[in-house]
PDB file of N, CA and C in Angstrom:
ATOM      1  N   UNK A   1     -12.684   3.925  12.748  1.00  0.00           N
ATOM      2  CA  UNK A   1     -12.557   4.774  11.604  1.00  0.00           C
ATOM      3  C   UNK A   1     -12.603   3.722  10.197  1.00  0.00           C
ATOM      4  N   UNK A   2     -13.320   4.381   9.500  1.00  0.00           N
ATOM      5  CA  UNK A   2     -13.862   3.714   8.051  1.00  0.00           C
ATOM      6  C   UNK A   2     -12.608   4.301   7.192  1.00  0.00           C
ATOM      7  N   UNK A   3     -11.720   3.518   6.576  1.00  0.00           N
ATOM      8  CA  UNK A   3     -10.756   3.523   5.488  1.00  0.00           C
ATOM      9  C   UNK A   3     -11.247   3.730   4.154  1.00  0.00           C
ATOM     10  N   UNK A   4     -10.545   4.493   3.433  1.00  0.00           N
ATOM     11  CA  UNK A   4     -10.981   4.450   1.757  1.00  0.00           C
ATOM     12  C   UNK A   4     -10.194   2.995   1.502  1.00  0.00           C
ATOM     13  N   UNK A   5     -10.550   2.320   0.111  1.00  0.00           N
ATOM     14  CA  UNK A   5      -9.886   1.512  -0.334  1.00  0.00           C
ATOM     15  C   UNK A   5      -8.374   2.014  -0.768  1.00  0.00           C
ATOM     16  N   UNK A   6      -7.767   1.219  -0.495  1.00  0.00           N
ATOM     17  CA  UNK A   6      -6.397   1.156  -0.696  1.00  0.00           C
ATOM     18  C   UNK A   6      -5.589   0.555  -1.660  1.00  0.00           C
ATOM     19  N   UNK A   7      -4.548   0.969  -1.706  1.00  0.00           N
ATOM     20  CA  UNK A   7      -4.018   0.721  -3.275  1.00  0.00           C
ATOM     21  C   UNK A   7      -2.694  -0.240  -2.576  1.00  0.00           C
ATOM     22  N   UNK A   8      -2.512  -1.507  -3.200  1.00  0.00           N
ATOM     23  CA  UNK A   8      -1.067  -2.448  -3.182  1.00  0.00           C
ATOM     24  C   UNK A   8      -0.406  -2.132  -4.490  1.00  0.00           C
ATOM     25  N   UNK A   9       0.837  -1.553  -4.587  1.00  0.00           N
ATOM     26  CA  UNK A   9       1.588  -1.526  -5.951  1.00  0.00           C
ATOM     27  C   UNK A   9       2.745  -2.614  -5.481  1.00  0.00           C
ATOM     28  N   UNK A  10       2.993  -3.742  -6.149  1.00  0.00           N
ATOM     29  CA  UNK A  10       3.981  -4.960  -6.501  1.00  0.00           C
ATOM     30  C   UNK A  10       5.080  -4.800  -7.632  1.00  0.00           C
ATOM     31  N   UNK A  11       6.217  -4.769  -7.107  1.00  0.00           N
ATOM     32  CA  UNK A  11       7.253  -4.506  -8.272  1.00  0.00           C
ATOM     33  C   UNK A  11       8.235  -5.530  -8.047  1.00  0.00           C
ATOM     34  N   UNK A  12       8.895  -6.181  -9.003  1.00  0.00           N
ATOM     35  CA  UNK A  12       9.689  -7.158  -8.964  1.00  0.00           C
ATOM     36  C   UNK A  12      10.896  -6.480  -8.987  1.00  0.00           C
ATOM     37  N   UNK A  13      11.778  -6.505  -8.040  1.00  0.00           N
ATOM     38  CA  UNK A  13      13.211  -5.911  -7.790  1.00  0.00           C
ATOM     39  C   UNK A  13      14.197  -6.922  -7.638  1.00  0.00           C
ATOM     40  N   UNK A  14      14.877  -7.483  -8.852  1.00  0.00           N
ATOM     41  CA  UNK A  14      15.920  -8.686  -8.627  1.00  0.00           C
ATOM     42  C   UNK A  14      15.324 -10.122  -8.021  1.00  0.00           C
ATOM     43  N   UNK A  15      15.433 -10.695  -7.035  1.00  0.00           N
ATOM     44  CA  UNK A  15      14.675 -11.892  -6.897  1.00  0.00           C
ATOM     45  C   UNK A  15      13.844 -11.978  -5.909  1.00  0.00           C
ATOM     46  N   UNK A  16      13.574 -10.411  -5.672  1.00  0.00           N
ATOM     47  CA  UNK A  16      12.099  -9.914  -4.511  1.00  0.00           C
ATOM     48  C   UNK A  16      11.196  -9.461  -5.196  1.00  0.00           C
ATOM     49  N   UNK A  17       9.910  -9.318  -4.623  1.00  0.00           N
ATOM     50  CA  UNK A  17       8.711  -8.652  -4.692  1.00  0.00           C
ATOM     51  C   UNK A  17       8.609  -7.440  -4.150  1.00  0.00           C
ATOM     52  N   UNK A  18       8.848  -6.257  -4.138  1.00  0.00           N
ATOM     53  CA  UNK A  18       8.535  -5.223  -3.112  1.00  0.00           C
ATOM     54  C   UNK A  18       7.113  -4.626  -3.711  1.00  0.00           C
ATOM     55  N   UNK A  19       6.367  -4.490  -2.452  1.00  0.00           N
ATOM     56  CA  UNK A  19       5.199  -4.069  -2.102  1.00  0.00           C
ATOM     57  C   UNK A  19       4.957  -2.520  -1.511  1.00  0.00           C
ATOM     58  N   UNK A  20       4.210  -1.634  -1.743  1.00  0.00           N
ATOM     59  CA  UNK A  20       3.978  -0.750  -1.040  1.00  0.00           C
ATOM     60  C   UNK A  20       2.504  -0.223  -0.946  1.00  0.00           C
ATOM     61  N   UNK A  21       2.041   0.256  -0.081  1.00  0.00           N
ATOM     62  CA  UNK A  21       0.822   0.914  -0.137  1.00  0.00           C
ATOM     63  C   UNK A  21       1.027   2.479   0.012  1.00  0.00           C
ATOM     64  N   UNK A  22       0.496   3.138  -1.319  1.00  0.00           N
ATOM     65  CA  UNK A  22       1.372   4.754  -1.270  1.00  0.00           C
ATOM     66  C   UNK A  22       0.455   5.513  -0.481  1.00  0.00           C
ATOM     67  N   UNK A  23      -1.185   5.098  -0.177  1.00  0.00           N
ATOM     68  CA  UNK A  23      -1.773   5.875   0.418  1.00  0.00           C
ATOM     69  C   UNK A  23      -1.239   6.114   2.279  1.00  0.00           C
ATOM     70  N   UNK A  24      -0.804   5.056   2.648  1.00  0.00           N
ATOM     71  CA  UNK A  24      -0.289   4.828   4.324  1.00  0.00           C
ATOM     72  C   UNK A  24       1.175   5.074   4.493  1.00  0.00           C
ATOM     73  N   UNK A  25       1.866   4.886   3.323  1.00  0.00           N
ATOM     74  CA  UNK A  25       3.590   4.923   3.443  1.00  0.00           C
ATOM     75  C   UNK A  25       3.793   3.686   3.894  1.00  0.00           C
ATOM     76  N   UNK A  26       3.186   2.256   3.694  1.00  0.00           N
ATOM     77  CA  UNK A  26       3.596   1.279   4.265  1.00  0.00           C
ATOM     78  C   UNK A  26       4.497   0.391   3.035  1.00  0.00           C
ATOM     79  N   UNK A  27       5.450  -0.607   3.632  1.00  0.00           N
ATOM     80  CA  UNK A  27       5.911  -1.169   2.530  1.00  0.00           C
ATOM     81  C   UNK A  27       6.513  -2.623   3.259  1.00  0.00           C
ATOM     82  N   UNK A  28       6.569  -3.621   2.276  1.00  0.00           N
ATOM     83  CA  UNK A  28       6.897  -5.078   2.537  1.00  0.00           C
ATOM     84  C   UNK A  28       7.445  -5.666   1.427  1.00  0.00           C
ATOM     85  N   UNK A  29       7.981  -6.786   1.594  1.00  0.00           N
ATOM     86  CA  UNK A  29       8.287  -7.426   0.276  1.00  0.00           C
ATOM     87  C   UNK A  29       8.110  -9.235   0.403  1.00  0.00           C
ATOM     88  N   UNK A  30       8.606  -9.760  -0.372  1.00  0.00           N
ATOM     89  CA  UNK A  30       8.126 -11.207  -0.358  1.00  0.00           C
ATOM     90  C   UNK A  30       9.084 -11.927  -1.803  1.00  0.00           C
ATOM     91  N   UNK A  31       9.339 -13.291  -1.641  1.00  0.00           N
ATOM     92  CA  UNK A  31      10.271 -13.696  -2.518  1.00  0.00           C
ATOM     93  C   UNK A  31       9.216 -14.243  -3.567  1.00  0.00           C
ATOM     94  N   UNK A  32       7.890 -14.022  -3.561  1.00  0.00           N
ATOM     95  CA  UNK A  32       6.789 -14.336  -4.711  1.00  0.00           C
ATOM     96  C   UNK A  32       5.930 -13.417  -4.753  1.00  0.00           C
ATOM     97  N   UNK A  33       5.106 -13.416  -5.824  1.00  0.00           N
ATOM     98  CA  UNK A  33       4.191 -11.927  -5.773  1.00  0.00           C
ATOM     99  C   UNK A  33       3.259 -12.662  -4.912  1.00  0.00           C
ATOM    100  N   UNK A  34       2.390 -13.547  -4.561  1.00  0.00           N
ATOM    101  CA  UNK A  34       1.614 -14.191  -3.803  1.00  0.00           C
ATOM    102  C   UNK A  34       1.928 -13.825  -2.128  1.00  0.00           C
ATOM    103  N   UNK A  35       3.275 -13.842  -1.874  1.00  0.00           N
ATOM    104  CA  UNK A  35       3.912 -13.664  -0.664  1.00  0.00           C
ATOM    105  C   UNK A  35       4.068 -12.175  -0.481  1.00  0.00           C
ATOM    106  N   UNK A  36       4.369 -11.436  -1.481  1.00  0.00           N
ATOM    107  CA  UNK A  36       4.722  -9.982  -1.325  1.00  0.00           C
ATOM    108  C   UNK A  36       3.021  -9.258  -1.221  1.00  0.00           C
ATOM    109  N   UNK A  37       2.271  -9.816  -1.817  1.00  0.00           N
ATOM    110  CA  UNK A  37       0.982  -9.459  -1.421  1.00  0.00           C
ATOM    111  C   UNK A  37       0.326  -9.881  -0.134  1.00  0.00           C
ATOM    112  N   UNK A  38       0.680 -11.167   0.304  1.00  0.00           N
ATOM    113  CA  UNK A  38       0.264 -11.174   1.662  1.00  0.00           C
ATOM    114  C   UNK A  38       0.908 -10.393   3.034  1.00  0.00           C
ATOM    115  N   UNK A  39       2.167 -10.122   2.509  1.00  0.00           N
ATOM    116  CA  UNK A  39       2.727  -9.388   3.490  1.00  0.00           C
ATOM    117  C   UNK A  39       2.456  -8.115   3.556  1.00  0.00           C
ATOM    118  N   UNK A  40       1.896  -7.657   2.351  1.00  0.00           N
ATOM    119  CA  UNK A  40       1.783  -5.686   2.572  1.00  0.00           C
ATOM    120  C   UNK A  40       0.230  -6.211   2.962  1.00  0.00           C
ATOM    121  N   UNK A  41      -0.677  -6.982   2.754  1.00  0.00           N
ATOM    122  CA  UNK A  41      -1.940  -7.319   3.485  1.00  0.00           C
ATOM    123  C   UNK A  41      -1.843  -6.854   5.054  1.00  0.00           C
ATOM    124  N   UNK A  42      -0.670  -7.936   5.584  1.00  0.00           N
ATOM    125  CA  UNK A  42      -0.523  -7.816   6.910  1.00  0.00           C
ATOM    126  C   UNK A  42       0.174  -6.722   7.680  1.00  0.00           C
ATOM    127  N   UNK A  43       1.134  -5.899   6.859  1.00  0.00           N
ATOM    128  CA  UNK A  43       1.792  -5.046   7.265  1.00  0.00           C
ATOM    129  C   UNK A  43       0.373  -3.382   7.421  1.00  0.00           C
ATOM    130  N   UNK A  44      -0.161  -3.461   6.648  1.00  0.00           N
ATOM    131  CA  UNK A  44      -1.211  -2.396   6.633  1.00  0.00           C
ATOM    132  C   UNK A  44      -2.408  -3.029   7.551  1.00  0.00           C
ATOM    133  N   UNK A  45      -2.932  -4.452   7.897  1.00  0.00           N
ATOM    134  CA  UNK A  45      -3.788  -4.193   8.847  1.00  0.00           C
ATOM    135  C   UNK A  45      -3.076  -4.297  10.274  1.00  0.00           C
ATOM    136  N   UNK A  46      -1.452  -4.421  10.519  1.00  0.00           N
ATOM    137  CA  UNK A  46      -1.119  -4.445  11.701  1.00  0.00           C
ATOM    138  C   UNK A  46      -0.860  -2.900  11.769  1.00  0.00           C
ATOM    139  N   UNK A  47      -0.475  -2.084  11.003  1.00  0.00           N
ATOM    140  CA  UNK A  47      -0.648  -0.199  11.491  1.00  0.00           C
ATOM    141  C   UNK A  47      -2.157   0.025  11.367  1.00  0.00           C
ATOM    142  N   UNK A  48      -2.892  -0.519  10.946  1.00  0.00           N
ATOM    143  CA  UNK A  48      -4.265  -0.095  11.350  1.00  0.00           C
ATOM    144  C   UNK A  48      -4.652  -0.290  12.584  1.00  0.00           C
ATOM    145  N   UNK A  49      -4.356  -1.662  13.251  1.00  0.00           N
ATOM    146  CA  UNK A  49      -4.535  -2.353  14.358  1.00  0.00           C
ATOM    147  C   UNK A  49      -4.010  -1.263  15.620  1.00  0.00           C
ATOM    148  N   UNK A  50      -2.770  -1.212  15.237  1.00  0.00           N
ATOM    149  CA  UNK A  50      -1.709  -0.454  16.191  1.00  0.00           C
ATOM    150  C   UNK A  50      -1.663   1.022  16.005  1.00  0.00           C
ATOM    151  N   UNK A  51      -1.848   1.598  15.156  1.00  0.00           N
ATOM    152  CA  UNK A  51      -1.660   3.081  15.158  1.00  0.00           C
ATOM    153  C   UNK A  51      -3.285   3.606  15.917  1.00  0.00           C
ATOM    154  N   UNK A  52      -3.037   4.898  16.232  1.00  0.00           N
ATOM    155  CA  UNK A  52      -4.169   5.661  16.726  1.00  0.00           C
ATOM    156  C   UNK A  52      -4.600   6.261  15.564  1.00  0.00           C
ATOM    157  N   UNK A  53      -5.962   6.972  15.762  1.00  0.00           N
ATOM    158  CA  UNK A  53      -6.737   7.319  14.348  1.00  0.00           C
ATOM    159  C   UNK A  53      -6.200   8.397  13.618  1.00  0.00           C
ATOM    160  N   UNK A  54      -5.380   9.544  14.947  1.00  0.00           N
ATOM    161  CA  UNK A  54      -4.807  10.495  14.471  1.00  0.00           C
ATOM    162  C   UNK A  54      -3.542  10.512  13.408  1.00  0.00           C
ATOM    163  N   UNK A  55      -2.585   9.276  13.669  1.00  0.00           N
ATOM    164  CA  UNK A  55      -1.676   8.683  12.828  1.00  0.00           C
ATOM    165  C   UNK A  55      -2.070   8.120  11.428  1.00  0.00           C
ATOM    166  N   UNK A  56      -3.178   7.664  11.734  1.00  0.00           N
ATOM    167  CA  UNK A  56      -3.720   7.006  10.182  1.00  0.00           C
ATOM    168  C   UNK A  56      -4.033   8.002   9.555  1.00  0.00           C
ATOM    169  N   UNK A  57      -5.139   9.254   9.903  1.00  0.00           N
ATOM    170  CA  UNK A  57      -5.371  10.325   9.110  1.00  0.00           C
ATOM    171  C   UNK A  57      -3.991  11.180   8.683  1.00  0.00           C
ATOM    172  N   UNK A  58      -2.739  11.232   9.501  1.00  0.00           N
ATOM    173  CA  UNK A  58      -1.681  11.954   9.113  1.00  0.00           C
ATOM    174  C   UNK A  58      -1.138  11.399   7.886  1.00  0.00           C
ATOM    175  N   UNK A  59      -1.195   9.931   7.950  1.00  0.00           N
ATOM    176  CA  UNK A  59      -0.544   9.310   6.397  1.00  0.00           C
ATOM    177  C   UNK A  59      -1.420   9.331   5.642  1.00  0.00           C
ATOM    178  N   UNK A  60      -2.916   9.265   5.475  1.00  0.00           N
ATOM    179  CA  UNK A  60      -3.530   9.757   4.640  1.00  0.00           C
ATOM    180  C   UNK A  60      -3.827  10.944   3.921  1.00  0.00           C
ATOM    181  N   UNK A  61      -3.516  11.740   4.696  1.00  0.00           N
ATOM    182  CA  UNK A  61      -3.356  13.256   4.157  1.00  0.00           C
ATOM    183  C   UNK A  61      -1.931  14.111   3.804  1.00  0.00           C
ATOM    184  N   UNK A  62      -1.285  12.855   3.677  1.00  0.00           N
ATOM    185  CA  UNK A  62       0.484  13.389   3.409  1.00  0.00           C
ATOM    186  C   UNK A  62       0.623  13.958   1.683  1.00  0.00           C
ATOM    187  N   UNK A  63      -0.473  13.749   1.184  1.00  0.00           N
ATOM    188  CA  UNK A  63      -0.634  14.681  -0.212  1.00  0.00           C
ATOM    189  C   UNK A  63      -0.502  13.423  -1.377  1.00  0.00           C
ATOM    190  N   UNK A  64      -0.672  12.041  -0.829  1.00  0.00           N
ATOM    191  CA  UNK A  64      -0.655  11.241  -1.993  1.00  0.00           C
ATOM    192  C   UNK A  64      -2.019  10.730  -2.662  1.00  0.00           C
ATOM    193  N   UNK A  65      -2.390  10.944  -3.939  1.00  0.00           N
ATOM    194  CA  UNK A  65      -3.115  10.847  -4.351  1.00  0.00           C
ATOM    195  C   UNK A  65      -3.093   9.425  -5.730  1.00  0.00           C
ATOM    196  N   UNK A  66      -4.005   8.484  -5.526  1.00  0.00           N
ATOM    197  CA  UNK A  66      -3.575   7.258  -6.619  1.00  0.00           C
ATOM    198  C   UNK A  66      -4.647   7.575  -7.794  1.00  0.00           C
ATOM    199  N   UNK A  67      -4.688   7.260  -8.663  1.00  0.00           N
ATOM    200  CA  UNK A  67      -5.527   7.444  -9.704  1.00  0.00           C
ATOM    201  C   UNK A  67      -5.172   6.590 -10.907  1.00  0.00           C
ATOM    202  N   UNK A  68      -6.792   5.597 -11.519  1.00  0.00           N
ATOM    203  CA  UNK A  68      -6.427   5.157 -12.702  1.00  0.00           C
ATOM    204  C   UNK A  68      -6.375   6.042 -13.803  1.00  0.00           C
ATOM    205  N   UNK A  69      -5.231   5.982 -14.912  1.00  0.00           N
ATOM    206  CA  UNK A  69      -5.384   6.661 -16.045  1.00  0.00           C
ATOM    207  C   UNK A  69      -6.179   5.949 -17.203  1.00  0.00           C
ATOM    208  N   UNK A  70      -6.870   6.932 -17.679  1.00  0.00           N
ATOM    209  CA  UNK A  70      -7.204   6.642 -19.377  1.00  0.00           C
ATOM    210  C   UNK A  70      -6.667   7.216 -19.890  1.00  0.00           C
ATOM    211  N   UNK A  71      -6.421   6.356 -20.919  1.00  0.00           N
ATOM    212  CA  UNK A  71      -5.884   7.156 -22.401  1.00  0.00           C
ATOM    213  C   UNK A  71      -6.294   7.080 -23.586  1.00  0.00           C
ATOM    214  N   UNK A  72      -6.436   7.704 -24.007  1.00  0.00           N
ATOM    215  CA  UNK A  72      -7.325   8.439 -25.120  1.00  0.00           C
ATOM    216  C   UNK A  72      -6.920   7.724 -26.439  1.00  0.00           C
ATOM    217  N   UNK A  73      -5.707   7.387 -26.649  1.00  0.00           N
ATOM    218  CA  UNK A  73      -4.710   6.770 -27.997  1.00  0.00           C
ATOM    219  C   UNK A  73      -3.598   5.105 -27.177  1.00  0.00           C
ATOM    220  N   UNK A  74      -4.737   4.206 -27.320  1.00  0.00           N
ATOM    221  CA  UNK A  74      -3.958   3.438 -26.743  1.00  0.00           C
ATOM    222  C   UNK A  74      -3.844   2.207 -27.804  1.00  0.00           C
TER     223      UNK A  74
END
């Protein structure tokens, strides 16, 4: 199954960086930005390796859309 380009959102929360992949509903964390990025990559790869195609399609089709916004007045 060919996956679309996925998004990783990483936010600092206290002493941790929390990472999510909104399209698949996957989350992870790390003590640094780099660690959080590596952890979310690993979590997404693990899901794709272990979940069947039906589960991946269900997660992709749960109504989440990620879009870049272009502002007219910046």
